[in-house]
């Protein structure tokens, strides 16, 4: 397009309309192909992520059973430790009670002396 044709177009349509048409032509020629490529690459990457996610979910489903069994074993071990802790606590209570009785007997004997 020559300068004289451009000047005639601006004179006939007006500068804002010619500017918008030039912008649309630029977008169609340079920007739109890049957007199309980006969308296609994004779609392909999304499909790959989706396949990987489905595979991970399938693997996780198999490992959930193993994890459940491990949690049951851990819970049983914790119950054993709780029982041991209760037994130790009971023995400590007995020792403290014996100590208090001994201290009471000593204080009684000191008072009588």
C-alpha atoms as a PDB file:
ATOM      1  CA  UNK A   1       0.000   0.000   0.000  1.00  0.00           C
ATOM      2  CA  UNK A   2       1.477   3.328  -1.020  1.00  0.00           C
ATOM      3  CA  UNK A   3       1.428   6.509   0.991  1.00  0.00           C
ATOM      4  CA  UNK A   4      -1.087   8.118  -1.362  1.00  0.00           C
ATOM      5  CA  UNK A   5      -3.496   5.169  -0.996  1.00  0.00           C
ATOM      6  CA  UNK A   6      -3.100   5.259   2.801  1.00  0.00           C
ATOM      7  CA  UNK A   7      -3.804   8.995   2.859  1.00  0.00           C
ATOM      8  CA  UNK A   8      -6.912   8.478   0.683  1.00  0.00           C
ATOM      9  CA  UNK A   9      -8.096   5.665   2.996  1.00  0.00           C
ATOM     10  CA  UNK A  10      -7.613   7.818   6.093  1.00  0.00           C
ATOM     11  CA  UNK A  11      -9.456  10.662   4.385  1.00  0.00           C
ATOM     12  CA  UNK A  12     -12.347   8.390   3.388  1.00  0.00           C
ATOM     13  CA  UNK A  13     -12.756   6.297   6.588  1.00  0.00           C
ATOM     14  CA  UNK A  14     -11.101   8.406   9.252  1.00  0.00           C
ATOM     15  CA  UNK A  15      -7.914   7.860  11.222  1.00  0.00           C
ATOM     16  CA  UNK A  16      -9.420   5.834  14.139  1.00  0.00           C
ATOM     17  CA  UNK A  17     -11.052   3.326  11.808  1.00  0.00           C
ATOM     18  CA  UNK A  18      -7.879   2.877   9.750  1.00  0.00           C
ATOM     19  CA  UNK A  19      -5.883   2.481  12.992  1.00  0.00           C
ATOM     20  CA  UNK A  20      -8.258  -0.238  14.257  1.00  0.00           C
ATOM     21  CA  UNK A  21      -8.123  -2.045  10.905  1.00  0.00           C
ATOM     22  CA  UNK A  22      -4.307  -1.913  10.941  1.00  0.00           C
ATOM     23  CA  UNK A  23      -4.282  -3.282  14.485  1.00  0.00           C
ATOM     24  CA  UNK A  24      -6.624  -6.141  13.528  1.00  0.00           C
ATOM     25  CA  UNK A  25      -4.471  -6.973  10.507  1.00  0.00           C
ATOM     26  CA  UNK A  26      -1.359  -7.028  12.759  1.00  0.00           C
ATOM     27  CA  UNK A  27      -3.075  -9.297  15.289  1.00  0.00           C
ATOM     28  CA  UNK A  28      -4.240 -11.683  12.556  1.00  0.00           C
ATOM     29  CA  UNK A  29      -0.827 -11.815  10.914  1.00  0.00           C
ATOM     30  CA  UNK A  30       1.559 -11.894  13.910  1.00  0.00           C
ATOM     31  CA  UNK A  31      -0.243 -12.513  17.199  1.00  0.00           C
ATOM     32  CA  UNK A  32      -2.993 -14.999  16.371  1.00  0.00           C
ATOM     33  CA  UNK A  33      -0.665 -17.774  15.116  1.00  0.00           C
ATOM     34  CA  UNK A  34       1.322 -17.501  18.353  1.00  0.00           C
ATOM     35  CA  UNK A  35      -1.867 -17.772  20.414  1.00  0.00           C
ATOM     36  CA  UNK A  36      -2.946 -20.847  18.448  1.00  0.00           C
ATOM     37  CA  UNK A  37       0.468 -22.502  19.018  1.00  0.00           C
ATOM     38  CA  UNK A  38       0.329 -21.665  22.739  1.00  0.00           C
ATOM     39  CA  UNK A  39      -3.155 -23.154  23.088  1.00  0.00           C
ATOM     40  CA  UNK A  40      -2.121 -26.350  21.268  1.00  0.00           C
ATOM     41  CA  UNK A  41       1.002 -26.740  23.443  1.00  0.00           C
ATOM     42  CA  UNK A  42      -1.023 -26.062  26.573  1.00  0.00           C
ATOM     43  CA  UNK A  43      -3.617 -28.645  25.542  1.00  0.00           C
ATOM     44  CA  UNK A  44      -0.912 -31.263  24.891  1.00  0.00           C
ATOM     45  CA  UNK A  45       0.764 -30.531  28.230  1.00  0.00           C
ATOM     46  CA  UNK A  46      -2.600 -30.743  29.976  1.00  0.00           C
ATOM     47  CA  UNK A  47      -3.279 -34.158  28.432  1.00  0.00           C
ATOM     48  CA  UNK A  48       0.134 -35.400  29.607  1.00  0.00           C
ATOM     49  CA  UNK A  49      -0.496 -34.094  33.132  1.00  0.00           C
ATOM     50  CA  UNK A  50      -3.926 -35.726  33.120  1.00  0.00           C
ATOM     51  CA  UNK A  51      -2.475 -39.108  32.082  1.00  0.00           C
ATOM     52  CA  UNK A  52       0.220 -38.857  34.777  1.00  0.00           C
ATOM     53  CA  UNK A  53      -2.399 -37.925  37.355  1.00  0.00           C
ATOM     54  CA  UNK A  54      -4.594 -40.909  36.449  1.00  0.00           C
ATOM     55  CA  UNK A  55      -1.562 -43.207  36.685  1.00  0.00           C
ATOM     56  CA  UNK A  56      -0.641 -41.784  40.098  1.00  0.00           C
ATOM     57  CA  UNK A  57      -4.218 -42.255  41.320  1.00  0.00           C
ATOM     58  CA  UNK A  58      -4.148 -45.897  40.218  1.00  0.00           C
ATOM     59  CA  UNK A  59      -0.818 -46.493  41.974  1.00  0.00           C
ATOM     60  CA  UNK A  60      -2.063 -44.682  45.056  1.00  0.00           C
ATOM     61  CA  UNK A  61      -5.166 -46.855  45.164  1.00  0.00           C
ATOM     62  CA  UNK A  62      -2.973 -49.950  45.382  1.00  0.00           C
ATOM     63  CA  UNK A  63      -0.790 -48.416  48.057  1.00  0.00           C
ATOM     64  CA  UNK A  64      -3.777 -47.333  50.173  1.00  0.00           C
ATOM     65  CA  UNK A  65      -4.357 -50.929  51.224  1.00  0.00           C
ATOM     66  CA  UNK A  66      -0.736 -51.292  52.322  1.00  0.00           C
ATOM     67  CA  UNK A  67      -0.884 -47.958  54.122  1.00  0.00           C
ATOM     68  CA  UNK A  68      -4.060 -49.026  55.933  1.00  0.00           C
ATOM     69  CA  UNK A  69      -2.397 -52.222  57.133  1.00  0.00           C
ATOM     70  CA  UNK A  70       0.640 -50.262  58.301  1.00  0.00           C
ATOM     71  CA  UNK A  71      -1.593 -47.858  60.238  1.00  0.00           C
ATOM     72  CA  UNK A  72      -3.299 -50.789  61.965  1.00  0.00           C
ATOM     73  CA  UNK A  73       0.091 -52.185  63.017  1.00  0.00           C
ATOM     74  CA  UNK A  74       1.228 -48.772  64.254  1.00  0.00           C
ATOM     75  CA  UNK A  75      -1.997 -48.365  66.238  1.00  0.00           C
ATOM     76  CA  UNK A  76      -1.471 -51.783  67.846  1.00  0.00           C
ATOM     77  CA  UNK A  77       2.090 -50.830  68.797  1.00  0.00           C
ATOM     78  CA  UNK A  78       0.853 -47.569  70.292  1.00  0.00           C
ATOM     79  CA  UNK A  79      -1.726 -49.478  72.339  1.00  0.00           C
ATOM     80  CA  UNK A  80       1.085 -51.709  73.639  1.00  0.00           C
ATOM     81  CA  UNK A  81       3.101 -48.630  74.608  1.00  0.00           C
ATOM     82  CA  UNK A  82       0.078 -47.070  76.307  1.00  0.00           C
ATOM     83  CA  UNK A  83      -0.411 -50.255  78.323  1.00  0.00           C
ATOM     84  CA  UNK A  84       3.281 -50.242  79.293  1.00  0.00           C
ATOM     85  CA  UNK A  85       3.027 -46.573  80.290  1.00  0.00           C
ATOM     86  CA  UNK A  86      -0.036 -47.294  82.461  1.00  0.00           C
ATOM     87  CA  UNK A  87       1.795 -50.136  84.176  1.00  0.00           C
ATOM     88  CA  UNK A  88       4.820 -47.930  84.817  1.00  0.00           C
ATOM     89  CA  UNK A  89       2.541 -45.164  86.105  1.00  0.00           C
ATOM     90  CA  UNK A  90       0.874 -47.634  88.475  1.00  0.00           C
ATOM     91  CA  UNK A  91       4.294 -48.765  89.793  1.00  0.00           C
ATOM     92  CA  UNK A  92       5.362 -45.134  90.268  1.00  0.00           C
ATOM     93  CA  UNK A  93       2.152 -44.478  92.222  1.00  0.00           C
ATOM     94  CA  UNK A  94       2.915 -47.474  94.451  1.00  0.00           C
ATOM     95  CA  UNK A  95       6.478 -46.237  95.066  1.00  0.00           C
ATOM     96  CA  UNK A  96       5.211 -42.737  95.893  1.00  0.00           C
ATOM     97  CA  UNK A  97       2.621 -44.156  98.277  1.00  0.00           C
ATOM     98  CA  UNK A  98       5.284 -46.283  99.973  1.00  0.00           C
ATOM     99  CA  UNK A  99       7.585 -43.253 100.207  1.00  0.00           C
ATOM    100  CA  UNK A 100       4.816 -41.191 101.797  1.00  0.00           C
ATOM    101  CA  UNK A 101       4.145 -43.974 104.321  1.00  0.00           C
ATOM    102  CA  UNK A 102       7.830 -44.184 105.187  1.00  0.00           C
ATOM    103  CA  UNK A 103       8.078 -40.409 105.570  1.00  0.00           C
ATOM    104  CA  UNK A 104       4.982 -40.455 107.796  1.00  0.00           C
ATOM    105  CA  UNK A 105       6.458 -43.210 109.948  1.00  0.00           C
ATOM    106  CA  UNK A 106       9.773 -41.327 110.231  1.00  0.00           C
ATOM    107  CA  UNK A 107       8.040 -38.105 111.208  1.00  0.00           C
ATOM    108  CA  UNK A 108       5.973 -40.021 113.822  1.00  0.00           C
ATOM    109  CA  UNK A 109       9.042 -41.607 115.321  1.00  0.00           C
ATOM    110  CA  UNK A 110      10.822 -38.221 115.455  1.00  0.00           C
ATOM    111  CA  UNK A 111       7.856 -36.696 117.286  1.00  0.00           C
ATOM    112  CA  UNK A 112       7.823 -39.453 119.863  1.00  0.00           C
ATOM    113  CA  UNK A 113      11.554 -39.123 120.553  1.00  0.00           C
END
